[in-house]
């Protein structure tokens, strides 16, 4: 959701809200004044009973819900009642649902339903629950991720981004909080509330506003120029940099104008300068290519960026592994489990907490480079991947 991140691990005071259009006429017709959803009650006009709140941000709120007839649990994401008349917000939730329905991929969240609450006309999405944690939470817990783990995650995220880009859309808000690790090791791209058609094309999400999070916006987004999938690769480069080094290249900058200048003109130091672990020159170069100021100097596509991952891993692991499924990369600790859904902010589930994911050093050490990365990348980068159910974790933004 569009909300300022309040994170004890944050290193900057720069707000991370998406830029949204100013309040104007209502974007959906309200039947009655908006009323809050309450625990134990049915969301008006739906078959979903509210089980508990999962998160609330400046724009939206998310609830764990249960289907009244099927008993199935899911996550329901809706605008905050106070935002029911803010121009553009309702349309973005609806467009997010339409894009997710159009682009089905194992590394993208899956939408189950889209509609309007019958009492006030607020749009809502129904998405699957997720068990695990987002990358911001994981990074805050362990400090940095190992090189093999980071590259395994990158391979999956690039598959999801590739599917989105081939369908003609740009995520525009790739960041740690919008990337989720499931307990079985699968990585998911979340929160398509800022997604738009590439380079001003028509389709769901077309608004013309410059959306994104300042900390991870590409130079062309800051400049207000048309963007394509290479803007997402820039943002992913920043994510991978922080996973490996424990900090981003511009974390020393707090002022928004100075941050804009850095993205437009400042050459980032290689992640190896800050990383508490060995980073090869090839890995430095791979990430820095994603962070080139000119999109033409970056990787031309998610598939092209992913194609270099096996070579980056090969020198580190020569021993084959018996288990090369994604779950071999991450293993869940035997700790209390909690469900996470489309939470709009870094707010977690209070005392219940999130189920902790522990990176299995033994599994990582036995990761088979060629086969494991091949399975993560899929049989062919141009296929959108299986339309198997996926789970949703965050995204009330």
Protein backbone atom coordinates (compact mmCIF):
# COMPACT_ATOMS: atom_id res chain seq x y z
CA UNK A 1 0.00 0.00 0.00
CA UNK A 2 1.12 3.55 -0.31
CA UNK A 3 2.55 4.08 3.12
CA UNK A 4 5.68 5.44 4.70
CA UNK A 5 7.70 2.51 5.91
CA UNK A 6 8.35 2.55 9.62
CA UNK A 7 11.04 -0.05 10.03
CA UNK A 8 13.46 -0.33 12.95
CA UNK A 9 16.08 -1.41 10.43
CA UNK A 10 15.50 1.56 8.12
CA UNK A 11 18.51 3.74 7.43
CA UNK A 12 16.74 6.67 5.87
CA UNK A 13 13.96 9.10 6.57
CA UNK A 14 13.00 9.30 2.90
CA UNK A 15 9.27 8.50 2.58
CA UNK A 16 8.54 5.45 0.49
CA UNK A 17 5.00 6.30 -0.54
CA UNK A 18 3.91 5.83 -4.10
CA UNK A 19 3.06 9.10 -5.76
CA UNK A 20 -0.68 9.14 -6.29
CA UNK A 21 -2.98 11.54 -7.99
CA UNK A 22 -4.46 14.29 -5.78
CA UNK A 23 -7.96 13.81 -4.36
CA UNK A 24 -10.64 14.61 -6.87
CA UNK A 25 -14.02 13.19 -7.73
CA UNK A 26 -14.91 9.74 -6.37
CA UNK A 27 -13.46 6.96 -8.48
CA UNK A 28 -16.32 4.62 -7.62
CA UNK A 29 -19.88 5.48 -6.72
CA UNK A 30 -20.45 5.08 -2.99
CA UNK A 31 -23.84 3.72 -2.04
CA UNK A 32 -23.57 4.62 1.65
CA UNK A 33 -20.87 6.13 3.86
CA UNK A 34 -17.94 3.73 4.10
CA UNK A 35 -17.99 1.50 7.16
CA UNK A 36 -15.14 -0.58 8.60
CA UNK A 37 -14.98 -4.34 8.26
CA UNK A 38 -15.33 -6.14 11.59
CA UNK A 39 -14.06 -9.44 12.91
CA UNK A 40 -16.65 -12.21 12.73
CA UNK A 41 -18.85 -10.36 10.25
CA UNK A 42 -19.27 -10.97 6.54
CA UNK A 43 -17.70 -8.46 4.19
CA UNK A 44 -20.81 -6.81 2.70
CA UNK A 45 -21.95 -8.41 -0.51
CA UNK A 46 -19.42 -11.25 -0.34
CA UNK A 47 -19.19 -14.81 0.96
CA UNK A 48 -16.12 -13.93 3.02
CA UNK A 49 -16.24 -13.71 6.82
CA UNK A 50 -13.58 -11.56 8.48
CA UNK A 51 -11.33 -13.66 10.72
CA UNK A 52 -8.82 -11.04 11.81
CA UNK A 53 -6.99 -7.96 10.54
CA UNK A 54 -3.59 -8.57 9.01
CA UNK A 55 -2.36 -5.07 8.33
CA UNK A 56 -3.28 -1.47 7.67
CA UNK A 57 -1.47 1.28 5.84
CA UNK A 58 -2.15 4.80 4.73
CA UNK A 59 -4.30 3.64 1.83
CA UNK A 60 -5.68 0.17 2.46
CA UNK A 61 -6.28 -2.63 4.89
CA UNK A 62 -6.04 -6.41 4.69
CA UNK A 63 -7.95 -9.10 6.54
CA UNK A 64 -7.70 -12.82 6.84
CA UNK A 65 -11.09 -14.11 5.74
CA UNK A 66 -12.89 -17.44 5.50
CA UNK A 67 -15.37 -18.44 2.83
CA UNK A 68 -18.78 -18.90 4.44
CA UNK A 69 -19.61 -22.03 2.43
CA UNK A 70 -16.27 -23.59 1.58
CA UNK A 71 -14.38 -22.84 4.79
CA UNK A 72 -11.36 -21.81 2.74
CA UNK A 73 -9.06 -19.10 4.10
CA UNK A 74 -7.81 -16.20 2.00
CA UNK A 75 -6.81 -12.54 2.27
CA UNK A 76 -9.17 -9.69 1.46
CA UNK A 77 -7.62 -6.36 0.53
CA UNK A 78 -9.74 -3.20 0.44
CA UNK A 79 -9.36 0.55 0.55
CA UNK A 80 -9.55 2.19 3.94
CA UNK A 81 -13.03 3.70 4.40
CA UNK A 82 -11.46 7.17 4.58
CA UNK A 83 -9.97 6.69 1.11
CA UNK A 84 -13.15 5.58 -0.61
CA UNK A 85 -13.46 8.88 -2.49
CA UNK A 86 -9.79 9.54 -3.25
CA UNK A 87 -9.34 9.69 -6.97
CA UNK A 88 -7.25 6.95 -8.53
CA UNK A 89 -6.93 4.63 -5.54
CA UNK A 90 -9.99 2.51 -6.26
CA UNK A 91 -8.97 2.13 -9.88
CA UNK A 92 -5.50 0.99 -8.87
CA UNK A 93 -6.88 -1.85 -6.74
CA UNK A 94 -9.14 -2.90 -9.59
CA UNK A 95 -6.30 -2.68 -12.10
CA UNK A 96 -4.05 -4.72 -9.83
CA UNK A 97 -6.64 -7.49 -9.85
CA UNK A 98 -7.03 -7.36 -13.62
CA UNK A 99 -3.28 -7.49 -14.24
CA UNK A 100 -2.85 -10.43 -11.87
CA UNK A 101 -5.68 -12.23 -13.66
CA UNK A 102 -4.03 -11.59 -17.03
CA UNK A 103 -0.51 -12.61 -16.00
CA UNK A 104 -0.53 -15.90 -14.15
CA UNK A 105 2.86 -17.19 -13.08
CA UNK A 106 4.24 -19.24 -10.22
CA UNK A 107 6.38 -16.32 -9.06
CA UNK A 108 3.56 -13.76 -9.15
CA UNK A 109 0.75 -13.53 -6.62
CA UNK A 110 -2.60 -14.88 -7.74
CA UNK A 111 -5.92 -13.10 -7.46
CA UNK A 112 -9.04 -15.11 -6.65
CA UNK A 113 -11.73 -12.47 -6.84
CA UNK A 114 -12.36 -8.79 -7.51
CA UNK A 115 -15.49 -6.86 -6.62
CA UNK A 116 -17.14 -3.99 -4.78
CA UNK A 117 -18.33 -4.07 -1.18
CA UNK A 118 -22.09 -3.69 -1.35
CA UNK A 119 -22.44 -1.16 1.47
CA UNK A 120 -20.05 1.54 0.28
CA UNK A 121 -18.78 0.49 -3.15
CA UNK A 122 -15.15 0.10 -2.11
CA UNK A 123 -13.23 -2.28 -4.41
CA UNK A 124 -11.69 -5.37 -2.88
CA UNK A 125 -9.37 -8.15 -3.96
CA UNK A 126 -9.32 -11.68 -2.62
CA UNK A 127 -5.87 -13.26 -2.67
CA UNK A 128 -4.28 -16.33 -1.19
CA UNK A 129 -2.59 -16.32 2.17
CA UNK A 130 1.13 -16.75 2.50
CA UNK A 131 3.31 -18.33 5.14
CA UNK A 132 6.82 -16.96 5.30
CA UNK A 133 8.24 -13.46 5.37
CA UNK A 134 9.17 -10.65 3.02
CA UNK A 135 12.78 -9.96 2.18
CA UNK A 136 12.89 -6.84 4.34
CA UNK A 137 11.94 -8.91 7.38
CA UNK A 138 14.38 -11.67 6.47
CA UNK A 139 17.20 -9.22 5.94
CA UNK A 140 16.43 -7.52 9.24
CA UNK A 141 16.58 -10.88 10.98
CA UNK A 142 19.85 -12.24 9.60
CA UNK A 143 21.69 -9.18 8.28
CA UNK A 144 22.69 -10.42 4.82
CA UNK A 145 21.85 -13.37 2.59
CA UNK A 146 24.51 -15.64 1.15
CA UNK A 147 25.47 -15.40 -2.50
CA UNK A 148 23.83 -18.73 -3.50
CA UNK A 149 20.62 -17.84 -1.67
CA UNK A 150 20.48 -14.38 -3.21
CA UNK A 151 21.01 -15.74 -6.70
CA UNK A 152 18.41 -18.47 -6.22
CA UNK A 153 15.90 -15.79 -5.22
CA UNK A 154 16.97 -13.59 -8.12
CA UNK A 155 16.36 -16.41 -10.59
CA UNK A 156 12.78 -16.80 -9.42
CA UNK A 157 12.03 -13.08 -9.29
CA UNK A 158 13.40 -12.65 -12.80
CA UNK A 159 11.07 -15.38 -14.02
CA UNK A 160 8.10 -13.54 -12.56
CA UNK A 161 9.24 -10.18 -13.90
CA UNK A 162 9.82 -11.72 -17.30
CA UNK A 163 6.23 -12.95 -17.41
CA UNK A 164 4.95 -9.53 -16.39
CA UNK A 165 7.10 -7.74 -18.96
CA UNK A 166 6.15 -10.08 -21.79
CA UNK A 167 2.52 -9.28 -21.05
CA UNK A 168 3.34 -5.60 -21.53
CA UNK A 169 3.41 -4.41 -17.91
CA UNK A 170 6.03 -2.86 -15.61
CA UNK A 171 5.82 -3.47 -11.86
CA UNK A 172 7.35 -0.06 -11.00
CA UNK A 173 7.77 -0.82 -7.30
CA UNK A 174 10.15 -3.76 -6.92
CA UNK A 175 11.60 -3.58 -3.40
CA UNK A 176 12.41 -5.80 -0.44
CA UNK A 177 8.95 -5.40 1.07
CA UNK A 178 7.27 -6.53 -2.15
CA UNK A 179 9.27 -9.73 -2.55
CA UNK A 180 8.27 -12.67 -0.39
CA UNK A 181 9.87 -15.98 0.56
CA UNK A 182 7.43 -18.81 1.10
CA UNK A 183 8.23 -21.51 3.61
CA UNK A 184 8.86 -23.96 0.75
CA UNK A 185 11.52 -21.66 -0.73
CA UNK A 186 9.49 -20.15 -3.56
CA UNK A 187 9.87 -16.42 -4.11
CA UNK A 188 6.84 -14.30 -4.98
CA UNK A 189 6.44 -10.82 -6.43
CA UNK A 190 3.77 -8.89 -4.55
CA UNK A 191 1.80 -5.67 -4.72
CA UNK A 192 1.10 -4.66 -8.28
CA UNK A 193 -0.72 -1.52 -7.19
CA UNK A 194 1.80 0.65 -9.04
CA UNK A 195 2.02 -1.56 -12.14
CA UNK A 196 1.39 0.09 -15.49
CA UNK A 197 1.63 -0.75 -19.17
CA UNK A 198 5.15 -0.29 -20.52
CA UNK A 199 6.03 3.03 -22.19
CA UNK A 200 2.62 4.60 -21.88
CA UNK A 201 0.68 1.86 -23.67
CA UNK A 202 -3.02 1.41 -23.03
CA UNK A 203 -4.35 -1.20 -20.64
CA UNK A 204 -5.03 -1.82 -16.95
CA UNK A 205 -2.96 0.52 -14.79
CA UNK A 206 -2.54 3.28 -17.38
CA UNK A 207 -2.54 6.52 -15.37
CA UNK A 208 0.40 8.65 -16.48
CA UNK A 209 1.53 9.43 -12.92
CA UNK A 210 5.07 8.73 -11.76
CA UNK A 211 4.63 5.94 -9.24
CA UNK A 212 7.20 4.08 -7.22
CA UNK A 213 9.27 4.16 -4.06
CA UNK A 214 12.00 6.84 -4.14
CA UNK A 215 14.59 4.54 -2.59
CA UNK A 216 14.27 2.05 -5.46
CA UNK A 217 13.05 4.14 -8.40
CA UNK A 218 14.97 3.97 -11.66
CA UNK A 219 16.48 7.19 -13.08
CA UNK A 220 13.89 7.31 -15.85
CA UNK A 221 11.11 7.21 -13.25
CA UNK A 222 12.64 10.18 -11.42
CA UNK A 223 12.95 11.99 -14.74
CA UNK A 224 9.32 11.34 -15.62
CA UNK A 225 10.24 9.49 -18.79
CA UNK A 226 8.34 6.46 -20.16
CA UNK A 227 9.54 3.22 -18.60
CA UNK A 228 9.73 -0.40 -19.60
CA UNK A 229 10.82 -3.59 -17.88
CA UNK A 230 14.40 -2.37 -17.53
CA UNK A 231 13.22 -0.03 -14.75
CA UNK A 232 12.24 -3.14 -12.78
CA UNK A 233 15.68 -4.63 -13.40
CA UNK A 234 17.25 -1.48 -11.94
CA UNK A 235 15.10 -1.83 -8.82
CA UNK A 236 15.93 -5.52 -8.55
CA UNK A 237 19.61 -4.65 -8.78
CA UNK A 238 19.17 -2.43 -5.73
CA UNK A 239 17.38 -5.24 -3.91
CA UNK A 240 20.12 -7.76 -4.67
CA UNK A 241 22.79 -5.23 -3.67
CA UNK A 242 21.19 -4.85 -0.25
CA UNK A 243 20.66 -8.59 0.22
CA UNK A 244 24.37 -9.19 -0.31
CA UNK A 245 25.85 -6.11 1.36
CA UNK A 246 23.30 -5.43 4.10
CA UNK A 247 22.80 -1.90 2.78
CA UNK A 248 21.96 -0.15 -0.45
CA UNK A 249 24.39 1.95 -2.50
CA UNK A 250 22.70 5.21 -1.52
CA UNK A 251 21.79 4.51 2.11
CA UNK A 252 23.95 7.44 3.21
CA UNK A 253 21.43 9.82 1.62
CA UNK A 254 18.36 10.99 3.54
CA UNK A 255 17.27 14.02 1.54
CA UNK A 256 14.82 13.27 -1.27
CA UNK A 257 16.39 15.73 -3.72
CA UNK A 258 19.85 14.33 -3.03
CA UNK A 259 18.50 10.81 -3.48
CA UNK A 260 17.02 11.79 -6.83
CA UNK A 261 20.40 13.21 -7.88
CA UNK A 262 22.15 10.01 -6.80
CA UNK A 263 19.86 7.83 -8.90
CA UNK A 264 20.27 10.14 -11.88
CA UNK A 265 24.01 10.87 -11.71
CA UNK A 266 25.96 9.13 -8.94
CA UNK A 267 27.83 5.96 -9.85
CA UNK A 268 27.25 3.38 -7.11
CA UNK A 269 30.15 1.64 -5.43
CA UNK A 270 30.28 -2.12 -6.06
CA UNK A 271 28.49 -4.18 -3.41
CA UNK A 272 31.78 -5.88 -2.52
CA UNK A 273 32.89 -2.60 -0.91
CA UNK A 274 30.30 -2.99 1.85
CA UNK A 275 29.54 -6.73 1.89
CA UNK A 276 30.67 -8.74 4.93
CA UNK A 277 31.14 -11.74 2.62
CA UNK A 278 33.26 -12.36 -0.49
CA UNK A 279 31.68 -10.94 -3.65
CA UNK A 280 33.31 -11.85 -6.95
CA UNK A 281 34.18 -9.26 -9.56
CA UNK A 282 31.73 -10.98 -11.91
CA UNK A 283 28.91 -10.63 -9.40
CA UNK A 284 29.81 -6.99 -8.79
CA UNK A 285 29.67 -6.35 -12.53
CA UNK A 286 26.35 -8.20 -12.90
CA UNK A 287 24.64 -6.07 -10.28
CA UNK A 288 26.24 -2.83 -11.46
CA UNK A 289 25.05 -3.49 -14.99
CA UNK A 290 21.48 -3.64 -13.68
CA UNK A 291 22.15 -0.26 -12.02
CA UNK A 292 23.29 1.57 -15.14
CA UNK A 293 21.73 5.03 -15.47
CA UNK A 294 20.85 4.55 -19.14
CA UNK A 295 18.32 1.73 -19.67
CA UNK A 296 20.11 0.82 -22.90
CA UNK A 297 23.21 -0.06 -20.86
CA UNK A 298 21.32 -2.48 -18.61
CA UNK A 299 20.29 -6.02 -19.41
CA UNK A 300 17.79 -5.90 -22.28
CA UNK A 301 15.36 -8.22 -20.49
CA UNK A 302 14.76 -10.22 -17.35
CA UNK A 303 15.64 -13.35 -19.32
CA UNK A 304 19.01 -11.91 -20.32
CA UNK A 305 19.82 -11.01 -16.73
CA UNK A 306 18.78 -14.45 -15.50
CA UNK A 307 20.84 -16.21 -18.14
CA UNK A 308 24.06 -15.13 -16.41
CA UNK A 309 23.18 -16.62 -13.02
CA UNK A 310 24.56 -20.14 -13.65
CA UNK A 311 27.98 -18.71 -14.51
CA UNK A 312 27.94 -16.61 -11.34
CA UNK A 313 27.23 -19.68 -9.23
CA UNK A 314 29.36 -22.24 -11.06
CA UNK A 315 32.74 -21.42 -9.47
CA UNK A 316 31.24 -21.67 -6.00
CA UNK A 317 29.56 -25.10 -6.21
CA UNK A 318 30.79 -28.03 -8.21
CA UNK A 319 29.22 -30.82 -6.18
CA UNK A 320 25.78 -32.08 -7.35
CA UNK A 321 22.91 -32.15 -4.92
CA UNK A 322 20.26 -34.79 -4.43
CA UNK A 323 17.49 -32.29 -3.73
CA UNK A 324 17.38 -29.35 -6.10
CA UNK A 325 13.84 -28.14 -5.53
CA UNK A 326 13.37 -24.57 -4.31
CA UNK A 327 12.63 -25.93 -0.83
CA UNK A 328 16.18 -27.23 -0.68
CA UNK A 329 17.39 -23.66 -0.63
CA UNK A 330 15.27 -22.63 2.35
CA UNK A 331 14.03 -24.81 5.15
CA UNK A 332 11.40 -23.87 7.70
CA UNK A 333 12.35 -24.09 11.33
CA UNK A 334 10.02 -25.97 13.62
CA UNK A 335 8.58 -22.78 15.06
CA UNK A 336 5.06 -21.43 15.41
CA UNK A 337 3.53 -20.70 12.03
CA UNK A 338 1.53 -17.63 11.17
CA UNK A 339 -0.20 -16.55 8.01
CA UNK A 340 0.69 -13.44 6.17
CA UNK A 341 -1.41 -11.87 3.50
CA UNK A 342 -1.49 -8.68 1.51
CA UNK A 343 -0.33 -6.51 4.36
CA UNK A 344 -0.06 -2.86 3.36
CA UNK A 345 2.94 -1.98 5.44
CA UNK A 346 5.69 -3.45 7.56
CA UNK A 347 3.08 -4.09 10.25
CA UNK A 348 3.24 -7.73 11.24
CA UNK A 349 0.89 -9.96 13.18
CA UNK A 350 1.77 -8.74 16.64
CA UNK A 351 2.33 -11.44 19.22
CA UNK A 352 1.57 -14.22 16.81
CA UNK A 353 4.47 -13.14 14.64
CA UNK A 354 5.49 -14.45 11.27
CA UNK A 355 6.75 -17.92 10.77
CA UNK A 356 10.50 -17.65 10.66
CA UNK A 357 12.37 -18.93 7.71
CA UNK A 358 15.89 -20.15 8.36
CA UNK A 359 18.33 -20.35 5.49
CA UNK A 360 19.66 -23.88 5.48
CA UNK A 361 23.41 -23.68 5.16
CA UNK A 362 23.58 -27.40 4.48
CA UNK A 363 21.03 -27.16 1.68
CA UNK A 364 22.77 -24.17 0.15
CA UNK A 365 26.13 -25.90 0.28
CA UNK A 366 24.66 -28.83 -1.63
CA UNK A 367 22.89 -26.70 -4.22
CA UNK A 368 23.54 -28.05 -7.70
CA UNK A 369 24.37 -25.06 -9.81
CA UNK A 370 23.29 -26.12 -13.25
CA UNK A 371 20.23 -28.17 -12.34
CA UNK A 372 18.99 -26.01 -9.48
CA UNK A 373 19.23 -22.76 -11.38
CA UNK A 374 17.78 -24.44 -14.44
CA UNK A 375 14.73 -25.46 -12.46
CA UNK A 376 14.38 -22.00 -10.96
CA UNK A 377 14.61 -20.37 -14.38
CA UNK A 378 12.20 -22.82 -15.95
CA UNK A 379 12.36 -24.79 -19.19
CA UNK A 380 12.13 -21.71 -21.40
CA UNK A 381 12.12 -18.10 -20.38
CA UNK A 382 9.44 -17.17 -22.87
CA UNK A 383 6.80 -19.39 -21.31
CA UNK A 384 4.72 -17.72 -18.62
CA UNK A 385 5.08 -20.64 -16.27
CA UNK A 386 2.45 -22.91 -14.76
CA UNK A 387 -0.80 -21.40 -13.60
CA UNK A 388 -0.57 -23.18 -10.28
CA UNK A 389 -2.03 -21.55 -7.17
CA UNK A 390 0.30 -19.12 -5.49
CA UNK A 391 0.02 -17.25 -2.27
CA UNK A 392 -0.26 -13.58 -1.57
CA UNK A 393 1.61 -11.76 1.08
CA UNK A 394 1.54 -8.03 0.98
CA UNK A 395 0.17 -5.43 -1.22
CA UNK A 396 -2.34 -3.19 0.31
CA UNK A 397 -0.37 -0.45 -1.25
